[in-house]
Amino acid sequence: MSKVLAITYSFLILFQSFNINLEDFSKFNVLLNHAEFHKEMYGDSFFQFLAEHYGDAKEAHGNDHKEHEDLPFKDSHHMCTHINTSFISIANHFEFTYPEFIEIPFNFHYNETVTDSEKTSVFQPPKHA
């Protein structure tokens, strides 16, 4: 189940990275009508039409028609990207110094506690070896 969820989230992130709005889907009719106009007027195929409006020939074609504003994927938010890059070149040089080991003498000893209570026979060491 977790693999299916991971794949679903991956496709969701991929689809969102295309930055497609629902408004763009409603403009496909305008795209098809404008492609038909180019076919009748200029004899362009659909792929030539896409190259003139979305590809390499976009600058040469220009904005001759008012329908260019209504074509899908022509919004201004599709043309900008927000990428933050940080180049930090700081040379860190760490010197590790180990202090000299000083042996600390043990200065404690153990004394058995003195109590007035008599020890019971349960807690006595064994008498027969």
Protein backbone atom coordinates (compact mmCIF):
# COMPACT_ATOMS: atom_id res chain seq x y z
CA MET A 1 0.00 0.00 0.00
CA SER A 2 2.85 2.38 0.77
CA LYS A 3 4.36 1.84 -2.70
CA VAL A 4 1.07 2.76 -4.34
CA LEU A 5 0.85 5.89 -2.20
CA ALA A 6 4.45 6.84 -3.03
CA ILE A 7 3.84 6.39 -6.76
CA THR A 8 0.62 8.42 -6.55
CA TYR A 9 2.41 11.27 -4.77
CA SER A 10 5.23 11.12 -7.33
CA PHE A 11 2.79 11.52 -10.21
CA LEU A 12 1.03 14.34 -8.36
CA ILE A 13 4.30 16.22 -7.89
CA LEU A 14 5.24 15.58 -11.53
CA PHE A 15 1.88 16.89 -12.75
CA GLN A 16 2.14 19.97 -10.53
CA SER A 17 5.63 20.69 -11.86
CA PHE A 18 4.13 21.19 -15.34
CA ASN A 19 2.27 24.17 -13.81
CA ILE A 20 -0.98 23.49 -15.69
CA ASN A 21 -4.15 25.27 -14.59
CA LEU A 22 -7.73 24.21 -15.14
CA GLU A 23 -8.13 27.41 -17.13
CA ASP A 24 -5.61 26.05 -19.64
CA PHE A 25 -7.82 23.02 -20.28
CA SER A 26 -10.72 25.31 -21.14
CA LYS A 27 -8.53 27.11 -23.72
CA PHE A 28 -7.86 23.99 -25.83
CA ASN A 29 -10.84 24.90 -28.02
CA VAL A 30 -9.16 28.24 -28.81
CA LEU A 31 -5.93 26.36 -29.60
CA LEU A 32 -7.69 24.04 -32.05
CA ASN A 33 -9.59 26.92 -33.68
CA HIS A 34 -6.40 28.95 -34.09
CA ALA A 35 -4.58 25.92 -35.52
CA GLU A 36 -7.40 25.51 -38.04
CA PHE A 37 -7.08 29.22 -38.91
CA HIS A 38 -3.34 28.77 -39.56
CA LYS A 39 -4.04 25.71 -41.71
CA GLU A 40 -6.53 27.62 -43.88
CA MET A 41 -4.58 30.89 -44.11
CA TYR A 42 -0.95 29.72 -44.23
CA GLY A 43 -1.18 26.01 -44.96
CA ASP A 44 0.63 25.12 -41.73
CA SER A 45 0.44 21.66 -40.27
CA PHE A 46 -0.39 21.25 -36.60
CA PHE A 47 3.29 20.71 -35.72
CA GLN A 48 4.31 23.83 -37.63
CA PHE A 49 1.61 25.70 -35.74
CA LEU A 50 2.97 24.45 -32.41
CA ALA A 51 6.52 25.43 -33.44
CA GLU A 52 5.35 28.94 -34.39
CA HIS A 53 3.49 29.51 -31.14
CA TYR A 54 5.40 27.47 -28.56
CA GLY A 55 8.70 26.42 -30.15
CA ASP A 56 11.75 27.87 -31.85
CA ALA A 57 9.82 29.89 -34.45
CA LYS A 58 7.86 31.80 -31.80
CA GLU A 59 9.99 34.95 -32.13
CA ALA A 60 9.77 34.98 -35.94
CA HIS A 61 5.98 34.52 -35.90
CA GLY A 62 5.37 37.38 -33.47
CA ASN A 63 2.01 38.41 -32.11
CA ASP A 64 0.12 39.01 -35.36
CA HIS A 65 -3.23 37.77 -34.06
CA LYS A 66 -5.32 38.74 -31.05
CA GLU A 67 -6.00 35.04 -30.38
CA HIS A 68 -2.43 34.59 -29.15
CA GLU A 69 -3.41 35.98 -25.77
CA ASP A 70 -6.11 33.33 -25.38
CA LEU A 71 -3.94 30.33 -26.19
CA PRO A 72 -3.29 27.88 -23.34
CA PHE A 73 0.06 27.85 -21.55
CA LYS A 74 0.74 31.48 -22.48
CA ASP A 75 0.32 32.86 -18.97
CA SER A 76 3.13 34.86 -17.48
CA HIS A 77 3.52 32.53 -14.50
CA HIS A 78 4.64 29.76 -16.87
CA MET A 79 7.56 31.83 -18.07
CA CYS A 80 9.17 32.55 -14.72
CA THR A 81 11.03 30.13 -12.55
CA HIS A 82 11.97 30.59 -8.97
CA ILE A 83 15.25 28.88 -8.31
CA ASN A 84 17.34 29.93 -5.39
CA THR A 85 20.95 28.94 -5.66
CA SER A 86 23.55 29.66 -3.10
CA PHE A 87 27.20 29.27 -3.83
CA ILE A 88 29.22 29.37 -0.67
CA SER A 89 32.90 28.73 -0.92
CA ILE A 90 34.24 28.95 2.57
CA ALA A 91 37.37 26.97 3.26
CA ASN A 92 37.08 25.42 6.67
CA HIS A 93 40.30 24.22 8.18
CA PHE A 94 40.02 22.35 11.44
CA GLU A 95 43.04 21.63 13.57
CA PHE A 96 42.55 18.89 16.05
CA THR A 97 44.76 19.16 19.11
CA TYR A 98 44.71 16.43 21.66
CA PRO A 99 45.61 17.51 25.17
CA GLU A 100 48.18 15.46 27.03
CA PHE A 101 46.63 12.70 29.09
CA ILE A 102 47.04 13.23 32.81
CA GLU A 103 46.53 10.21 35.00
CA ILE A 104 44.34 11.01 37.96
CA PRO A 105 45.13 8.96 41.08
CA PHE A 106 42.30 7.17 42.77
CA ASN A 107 41.77 8.86 46.09
CA PHE A 108 38.85 6.98 47.55
CA HIS A 109 38.34 3.84 49.56
CA TYR A 110 35.36 1.82 50.69
CA ASN A 111 34.34 1.40 54.32
CA GLU A 112 31.61 -0.95 55.34
CA THR A 113 28.76 0.89 56.92
CA VAL A 114 28.39 0.42 60.61
CA THR A 115 24.91 -0.34 61.84
CA ASP A 116 23.54 -1.37 65.17
CA SER A 117 21.13 -3.83 63.71
CA GLU A 118 22.12 -7.46 63.72
CA LYS A 119 22.43 -9.09 60.32
CA THR A 120 20.02 -11.91 59.71
CA SER A 121 21.26 -15.35 58.73
CA VAL A 122 19.87 -15.00 55.21
CA PHE A 123 22.40 -12.35 54.31
CA GLN A 124 25.47 -14.10 55.78
CA PRO A 125 28.18 -15.56 53.53
CA PRO A 126 28.26 -19.35 53.23
CA LYS A 127 29.96 -21.05 56.22
CA HIS A 128 30.78 -24.38 54.59
CA ALA A 129 32.91 -24.37 51.52
